[in-house]
Amino acid sequence: MRTCPTCQRPVAEGQKFCSHDGTRIPQDVAPQQVSAPAPPVAPTVPPQYAPTPTQPPNVSHAPHASAQDAPIERLKCQWCESMNEKGATTCRTCGAPLDIKNLVSESGWREAPRLKDMTEFQFGQSTCQVEGEIVPVAELNLAPGDAVYFEHHVLLWKDDITPMSTMPLQGGIKRVLAGMPFIISVANGPGRVAFSRDATGELVVLPLHPGMELDVREHAFLLASHHINYSFVRVKGLRNILFGGQGMFMDRFVTGPTPGMLILHGYGNVFERVLRPGESIMVEPGAFLYKDSSVTMDVEFVQLTSGWFGGSTMSLARMTGPGRVGIQSMYVHHHTE
């Protein structure tokens, strides 16, 4: 039974207005079923304009490379070709400045590096410091087990604790006749010892790699590490023995499986040139300082004439490659020192 919402009197079924006060009677409305809203329809896109599906980025979770895994930068010495740490100013093997390029003349002569005062470098477990520039001194701090040999008259000073000995040599009579020293002294570590020549010039540091052979003029080597074998060689040719007077015998330094260090003293300035196979140059014998054993050396005589007033003879050393040749600008002629 329905009732009027105003007077609450009963109203007949189907009556739209109350007969007492005229109030509109609300009609029962069947509940409408509300459907869920349809999902939005995507607009149709022509195939030619459809976007290309993309793949999610492939994120690698590999650990970042540490600073230790990065390649180590090295500096190559132009004189001895040893590798040095980045930031080094001098070569740790020969002491050559790393911030100066090779000084090479148009004819191919390379100037030996001028070692700065107080330059220090290493050989074996020992160190060498170059002191002074006019008459340079090589001061060594020898580690236990290291040793150097030298001509006894080049010793400048040594610690009291530094042990000394002599090296046994063969061919003593030949060495005496050739004006070469027949006593080679040895200084053993631990201890400090210093060497110098009593003449102006420069020190030439030559690190010798395994299997190298170097020939040096007499009285030119200052010292050598004990890893280097020492002997002497005669320049072949009867004329050299009779007339040459220079270079009849040369010191020969040979390395075995272990590298070594050789220090020479050059009068004036020292220059080096690399000869190609078969290439030859003529050198004043007094200017010759060192050469690779692969370079042959022969003394030749050049006749100089001046017409009616006679002439003179000049002896020159012919150097034939392949290999290095070192000369000194202040050449001297001597049979002994």
Protein backbone atom coordinates (compact mmCIF):
# COMPACT_ATOMS: atom_id res chain seq x y z
CA MET A 1 0.00 0.00 0.00
CA ARG A 2 1.30 3.34 -1.01
CA THR A 3 0.71 6.53 1.06
CA CYS A 4 0.82 10.25 0.38
CA PRO A 5 4.20 11.60 1.31
CA THR A 6 2.48 14.74 2.73
CA CYS A 7 -0.60 13.61 4.68
CA GLN A 8 0.27 9.96 4.97
CA ARG A 9 -3.19 8.90 3.84
CA PRO A 10 -3.50 5.75 1.81
CA VAL A 11 -3.48 6.14 -1.95
CA ALA A 12 -5.02 3.68 -4.40
CA GLU A 13 -2.79 1.71 -6.64
CA GLY A 14 -2.07 3.59 -9.84
CA GLN A 15 -3.27 6.98 -8.41
CA LYS A 16 -0.94 9.77 -9.41
CA PHE A 17 -2.20 12.54 -7.07
CA CYS A 18 -3.45 12.48 -3.47
CA SER A 19 -7.25 13.01 -3.36
CA HIS A 20 -6.99 14.95 -0.10
CA ASP A 21 -4.23 17.49 -0.71
CA GLY A 22 -3.23 16.90 -4.37
CA THR A 23 0.33 15.86 -3.65
CA ARG A 24 1.93 14.08 -6.57
CA ILE A 25 2.45 10.48 -5.74
CA PRO A 26 5.86 9.17 -6.87
CA GLN A 27 5.69 6.17 -9.13
CA ASP A 28 7.78 3.04 -8.58
CA VAL A 29 10.49 2.88 -11.24
CA ALA A 30 12.12 -0.43 -12.05
CA PRO A 31 15.74 -0.24 -11.22
CA GLN A 32 17.86 0.11 -14.30
CA GLN A 33 20.88 -2.05 -14.60
CA VAL A 34 23.89 0.12 -14.96
CA SER A 35 26.50 -1.46 -17.17
CA ALA A 36 30.16 -0.80 -16.71
CA PRO A 37 31.55 1.85 -19.02
CA ALA A 38 33.02 0.43 -22.17
CA PRO A 39 36.71 0.70 -22.47
CA PRO A 40 37.94 3.49 -24.74
CA VAL A 41 38.52 2.41 -28.29
CA ALA A 42 41.90 3.30 -29.61
CA PRO A 43 41.83 5.22 -32.86
CA THR A 44 42.69 3.25 -35.90
CA VAL A 45 46.15 4.18 -37.24
CA PRO A 46 47.16 3.29 -40.80
CA PRO A 47 49.95 0.69 -40.88
CA GLN A 48 52.41 3.03 -42.55
CA TYR A 49 52.13 5.42 -39.60
CA ALA A 50 52.17 2.83 -36.85
CA PRO A 51 55.09 3.31 -34.42
CA THR A 52 57.86 0.72 -34.49
CA PRO A 53 57.90 -1.34 -31.28
CA THR A 54 61.00 -0.70 -29.21
CA GLN A 55 62.88 -3.14 -27.05
CA PRO A 56 63.71 -2.24 -23.45
CA PRO A 57 67.31 -1.10 -23.06
CA ASN A 58 69.77 -3.83 -22.26
CA VAL A 59 71.19 -2.65 -18.99
CA SER A 60 74.52 -4.29 -18.19
CA HIS A 61 75.21 -4.87 -14.58
CA ALA A 62 78.93 -5.63 -15.13
CA PRO A 63 81.17 -3.95 -12.55
CA HIS A 64 82.90 -0.76 -13.62
CA ALA A 65 86.64 -1.08 -14.48
CA SER A 66 88.77 0.10 -11.63
CA ALA A 67 91.70 2.47 -11.95
CA GLN A 68 94.05 -0.46 -11.49
CA ASP A 69 92.65 -2.15 -14.64
CA ALA A 70 93.31 0.93 -16.80
CA PRO A 71 96.41 0.76 -19.09
CA ILE A 72 99.52 2.30 -17.56
CA GLU A 73 101.01 5.13 -19.62
CA ARG A 74 104.77 4.97 -20.13
CA LEU A 75 107.44 7.33 -21.44
CA LYS A 76 110.09 5.94 -23.75
CA CYS A 77 113.64 7.24 -23.40
CA GLN A 78 114.95 8.33 -26.79
CA TRP A 79 118.55 7.54 -25.84
CA CYS A 80 118.39 4.02 -24.35
CA GLU A 81 114.76 3.16 -25.29
CA SER A 82 113.87 2.18 -21.72
CA MET A 83 110.31 2.69 -20.50
CA ASN A 84 109.59 5.09 -17.63
CA GLU A 85 106.57 6.01 -15.53
CA LYS A 86 104.35 8.86 -16.66
CA GLY A 87 105.49 12.11 -15.12
CA ALA A 88 109.18 11.15 -14.86
CA THR A 89 111.61 13.88 -15.94
CA THR A 90 114.74 11.74 -16.35
CA CYS A 91 115.24 8.16 -17.46
CA ARG A 92 115.61 5.78 -14.53
CA THR A 93 118.01 3.59 -16.57
CA CYS A 94 120.44 6.12 -18.11
CA GLY A 95 119.55 9.50 -16.57
CA ALA A 96 118.78 11.17 -19.92
CA PRO A 97 116.23 14.02 -19.78
CA LEU A 98 112.80 12.86 -20.95
CA ASP A 99 111.50 16.36 -21.70
CA ILE A 100 114.12 17.06 -24.40
CA LYS A 101 113.96 15.59 -27.89
CA ASN A 102 116.93 14.08 -29.67
CA LEU A 103 119.29 16.64 -31.14
CA VAL A 104 120.26 15.27 -34.56
CA SER A 105 122.32 17.02 -37.22
CA GLU A 106 121.46 16.95 -40.91
CA SER A 107 124.13 14.30 -41.48
CA GLY A 108 122.59 11.98 -38.88
CA TRP A 109 124.84 12.55 -35.83
CA ARG A 110 122.85 12.42 -32.60
CA GLU A 111 124.16 14.36 -29.63
CA ALA A 112 124.55 12.30 -26.45
CA PRO A 113 122.22 13.54 -23.71
CA ARG A 114 123.75 16.11 -21.41
CA LEU A 115 123.06 14.77 -17.93
CA LYS A 116 121.81 17.37 -15.50
CA ASP A 117 123.68 18.00 -12.29
CA MET A 118 122.60 15.58 -9.52
CA THR A 119 120.76 13.29 -11.94
CA GLU A 120 120.19 9.85 -10.42
CA PHE A 121 119.45 6.56 -12.16
CA GLN A 122 119.41 2.88 -11.24
CA PHE A 123 121.26 -0.27 -12.25
CA GLY A 124 120.57 -3.58 -10.58
CA GLN A 125 119.73 -2.77 -6.97
CA SER A 126 122.20 0.13 -6.90
CA THR A 127 121.98 3.80 -7.84
CA CYS A 128 124.32 6.22 -9.61
CA GLN A 129 124.24 10.00 -9.24
CA VAL A 130 126.04 12.32 -11.66
CA GLU A 131 127.55 15.36 -9.93
CA GLY A 132 129.05 18.39 -11.64
CA GLU A 133 129.17 19.31 -15.31
CA ILE A 134 132.69 20.46 -16.23
CA VAL A 135 134.53 17.43 -14.84
CA PRO A 136 131.56 15.20 -13.95
CA VAL A 137 131.66 12.67 -11.13
CA ALA A 138 129.75 9.38 -10.97
CA GLU A 139 128.86 8.58 -7.36
CA LEU A 140 127.54 5.06 -6.75
CA ASN A 141 125.57 3.65 -3.86
CA LEU A 142 126.31 -0.04 -4.25
CA ALA A 143 123.76 -2.50 -2.89
CA PRO A 144 124.81 -5.84 -1.38
CA GLY A 145 125.61 -8.25 -4.20
CA ASP A 146 126.31 -5.52 -6.78
CA ALA A 147 129.80 -4.59 -7.98
CA VAL A 148 131.55 -2.42 -10.58
CA TYR A 149 135.00 -2.62 -12.14
CA PHE A 150 137.19 0.25 -13.33
CA GLU A 151 140.73 1.42 -14.05
CA HIS A 152 142.26 2.09 -10.66
CA HIS A 153 143.35 5.68 -11.41
CA VAL A 154 139.75 6.90 -11.97
CA LEU A 155 138.75 6.27 -8.35
CA LEU A 156 137.90 9.60 -6.67
CA TRP A 157 136.85 8.44 -3.19
CA LYS A 158 135.12 5.56 -1.42
CA ASP A 159 133.62 4.67 1.94
CA ASP A 160 135.92 2.92 4.33
CA ILE A 161 133.57 -0.06 4.45
CA THR A 162 133.43 -0.55 0.66
CA PRO A 163 135.47 -3.70 -0.11
CA MET A 164 137.93 -3.62 -3.02
CA SER A 165 139.53 -6.36 -5.13
CA THR A 166 141.10 -6.85 -8.55
CA MET A 167 139.83 -8.59 -11.65
CA PRO A 168 141.99 -11.35 -13.12
CA LEU A 169 142.94 -10.56 -16.73
CA GLN A 170 144.43 -12.54 -19.56
CA GLY A 171 147.02 -11.30 -22.02
CA GLY A 172 148.81 -9.05 -19.55
CA ILE A 173 151.96 -8.63 -21.68
CA LYS A 174 149.93 -7.68 -24.75
CA ARG A 175 147.98 -5.14 -22.72
CA VAL A 176 151.17 -3.57 -21.40
CA LEU A 177 152.68 -3.34 -24.89
CA ALA A 178 149.45 -1.80 -26.20
CA GLY A 179 149.45 0.83 -23.45
CA MET A 180 146.30 -0.57 -21.87
CA PRO A 181 145.86 -1.02 -18.12
CA PHE A 182 146.83 -4.45 -16.87
CA ILE A 183 145.11 -4.03 -13.49
CA ILE A 184 141.35 -3.64 -13.28
CA SER A 185 139.95 -2.85 -9.84
CA VAL A 186 136.58 -3.98 -8.48
CA ALA A 187 134.38 -2.26 -5.88
CA ASN A 188 131.79 -4.43 -4.15
CA GLY A 189 128.64 -3.46 -2.30
CA PRO A 190 127.44 -2.42 0.14
CA GLY A 191 129.04 1.01 0.22
CA ARG A 192 129.54 4.25 -1.65
CA VAL A 193 132.26 4.99 -4.20
CA ALA A 194 132.85 7.80 -6.72
CA PHE A 195 134.76 8.02 -10.02
CA SER A 196 135.93 10.74 -12.40
CA ARG A 197 138.44 11.39 -15.17
CA ASP A 198 140.88 14.22 -14.62
CA ALA A 199 139.70 15.98 -17.77
CA THR A 200 136.78 18.03 -19.02
CA GLY A 201 134.08 16.27 -20.98
CA GLU A 202 130.86 14.41 -20.36
CA LEU A 203 129.74 11.04 -19.09
CA VAL A 204 127.98 8.75 -21.54
CA VAL A 205 125.72 6.16 -19.92
CA LEU A 206 125.18 3.11 -22.12
CA PRO A 207 122.79 0.49 -20.74
CA LEU A 208 123.67 -2.80 -22.43
CA HIS A 209 120.84 -5.21 -23.07
CA PRO A 210 121.38 -9.00 -23.06
CA GLY A 211 123.53 -10.21 -25.96
CA MET A 212 125.08 -6.84 -26.83
CA GLU A 213 128.76 -6.31 -27.67
CA LEU A 214 130.46 -2.92 -27.60
CA ASP A 215 134.03 -1.94 -28.51
CA VAL A 216 135.53 1.08 -26.73
CA ARG A 217 138.80 2.90 -27.29
CA GLU A 218 141.47 2.50 -24.64
CA HIS A 219 141.23 4.65 -21.48
CA ALA A 220 137.68 5.72 -22.27
CA PHE A 221 135.56 3.55 -20.01
CA LEU A 222 134.94 4.90 -16.53
CA LEU A 223 133.19 1.92 -14.98
CA ALA A 224 131.03 -1.07 -15.81
CA SER A 225 128.69 -3.24 -13.76
CA HIS A 226 129.82 -6.75 -12.89
CA HIS A 227 127.13 -8.30 -15.14
CA ILE A 228 129.20 -7.26 -18.20
CA ASN A 229 132.07 -9.42 -19.40
CA TYR A 230 135.31 -7.57 -20.08
CA SER A 231 138.02 -8.41 -22.62
CA PHE A 232 139.96 -6.69 -25.39
CA VAL A 233 140.19 -7.06 -29.14
CA ARG A 234 142.90 -6.23 -31.65
CA VAL A 235 142.13 -4.22 -34.76
CA LYS A 236 143.06 -6.52 -37.63
CA GLY A 237 145.64 -5.46 -40.19
CA LEU A 238 149.44 -5.34 -40.07
CA ARG A 239 149.48 -1.67 -41.02
CA ASN A 240 147.42 -0.84 -37.94
CA ILE A 241 150.01 -2.48 -35.71
CA LEU A 242 153.02 -0.87 -37.40
CA PHE A 243 151.75 2.59 -38.19
CA GLY A 244 148.34 3.20 -36.67
CA GLY A 245 149.39 3.91 -33.10
CA GLN A 246 145.71 4.28 -32.20
CA GLY A 247 143.13 1.59 -31.72
CA MET A 248 145.52 -1.35 -32.00
CA PHE A 249 143.61 -2.80 -29.05
CA MET A 250 140.14 -1.88 -27.89
CA ASP A 251 138.17 -2.79 -24.79
CA ARG A 252 135.27 -5.12 -25.52
CA PHE A 253 132.20 -5.32 -23.29
CA VAL A 254 129.76 -8.22 -23.75
CA THR A 255 126.54 -8.89 -21.86
CA GLY A 256 125.15 -12.33 -21.16
CA PRO A 257 121.54 -13.04 -20.18
CA THR A 258 121.56 -10.18 -17.65
CA PRO A 259 121.62 -6.51 -18.72
CA GLY A 260 124.38 -4.23 -17.46
CA MET A 261 125.50 -0.62 -17.34
CA LEU A 262 128.58 0.92 -18.94
CA ILE A 263 129.71 4.51 -18.35
CA LEU A 264 132.23 6.16 -20.67
CA HIS A 265 134.04 9.48 -20.44
CA GLY A 266 134.15 11.49 -23.65
CA TYR A 267 136.41 14.48 -24.20
CA GLY A 268 134.38 17.50 -25.27
CA ASN A 269 130.97 16.51 -26.64
CA VAL A 270 129.92 13.03 -27.70
CA PHE A 271 127.93 12.20 -30.83
CA GLU A 272 126.47 8.94 -32.11
CA ARG A 273 125.46 7.79 -35.56
CA VAL A 274 123.80 4.58 -36.72
CA LEU A 275 125.25 3.14 -39.92
CA ARG A 276 123.19 1.07 -42.32
CA PRO A 277 124.54 -2.25 -43.63
CA GLY A 278 127.44 -1.46 -45.97
CA GLU A 279 127.44 2.25 -45.16
CA SER A 280 130.86 3.61 -44.17
CA ILE A 281 132.33 6.85 -42.88
CA MET A 282 135.91 8.04 -42.34
CA VAL A 283 136.74 9.10 -38.77
CA GLU A 284 139.86 10.68 -37.33
CA PRO A 285 141.28 7.88 -35.12
CA GLY A 286 141.63 10.22 -32.14
CA ALA A 287 137.93 11.05 -32.31
CA PHE A 288 136.76 7.43 -32.16
CA LEU A 289 135.06 6.60 -28.85
CA TYR A 290 132.96 3.43 -29.22
CA LYS A 291 131.18 1.21 -31.73
CA ASP A 292 129.00 -1.85 -31.90
CA SER A 293 131.04 -4.99 -32.54
CA SER A 294 129.12 -5.41 -35.82
CA VAL A 295 130.83 -2.26 -37.17
CA THR A 296 134.17 -3.01 -38.80
CA MET A 297 137.12 -0.66 -38.35
CA ASP A 298 140.07 -0.38 -40.73
CA VAL A 299 142.77 2.28 -40.83
CA GLU A 300 143.39 3.81 -44.24
CA PHE A 301 146.03 6.30 -45.30
CA VAL A 302 145.21 9.31 -47.44
CA GLN A 303 148.11 10.87 -49.34
CA LEU A 304 148.02 14.65 -49.40
CA THR A 305 150.32 16.36 -51.91
CA SER A 306 151.13 20.02 -52.42
CA GLY A 307 152.92 20.02 -55.75
CA TRP A 308 156.63 20.82 -55.58
CA PHE A 309 156.59 21.13 -51.79
CA GLY A 310 155.88 17.47 -51.11
CA GLY A 311 152.96 16.38 -49.01
CA SER A 312 151.86 14.42 -45.99
CA THR A 313 149.90 11.32 -45.11
CA MET A 314 146.67 11.32 -43.13
CA SER A 315 145.48 8.18 -41.36
CA LEU A 316 141.72 7.77 -41.04
CA ALA A 317 139.57 5.00 -39.60
CA ARG A 318 136.97 3.59 -41.96
CA MET A 319 133.85 2.53 -40.08
CA THR A 320 131.49 0.23 -41.97
CA GLY A 321 128.01 -0.67 -40.73
CA PRO A 322 125.65 -1.94 -39.61
CA GLY A 323 125.67 -0.53 -36.08
CA ARG A 324 126.35 2.47 -33.88
CA VAL A 325 129.48 4.61 -33.93
CA GLY A 326 130.33 7.11 -31.18
CA ILE A 327 132.85 9.95 -31.51
CA GLN A 328 134.16 12.71 -29.26
CA SER A 329 134.67 16.29 -30.44
CA MET A 330 137.83 16.92 -28.39
CA TYR A 331 139.94 14.10 -29.74
CA VAL A 332 143.32 13.23 -28.27
CA HIS A 333 146.23 11.07 -29.32
CA HIS A 334 147.75 9.06 -26.53
CA HIS A 335 149.34 5.70 -25.96
CA THR A 336 148.75 5.65 -22.24
CA GLU A 337 147.56 7.83 -19.43
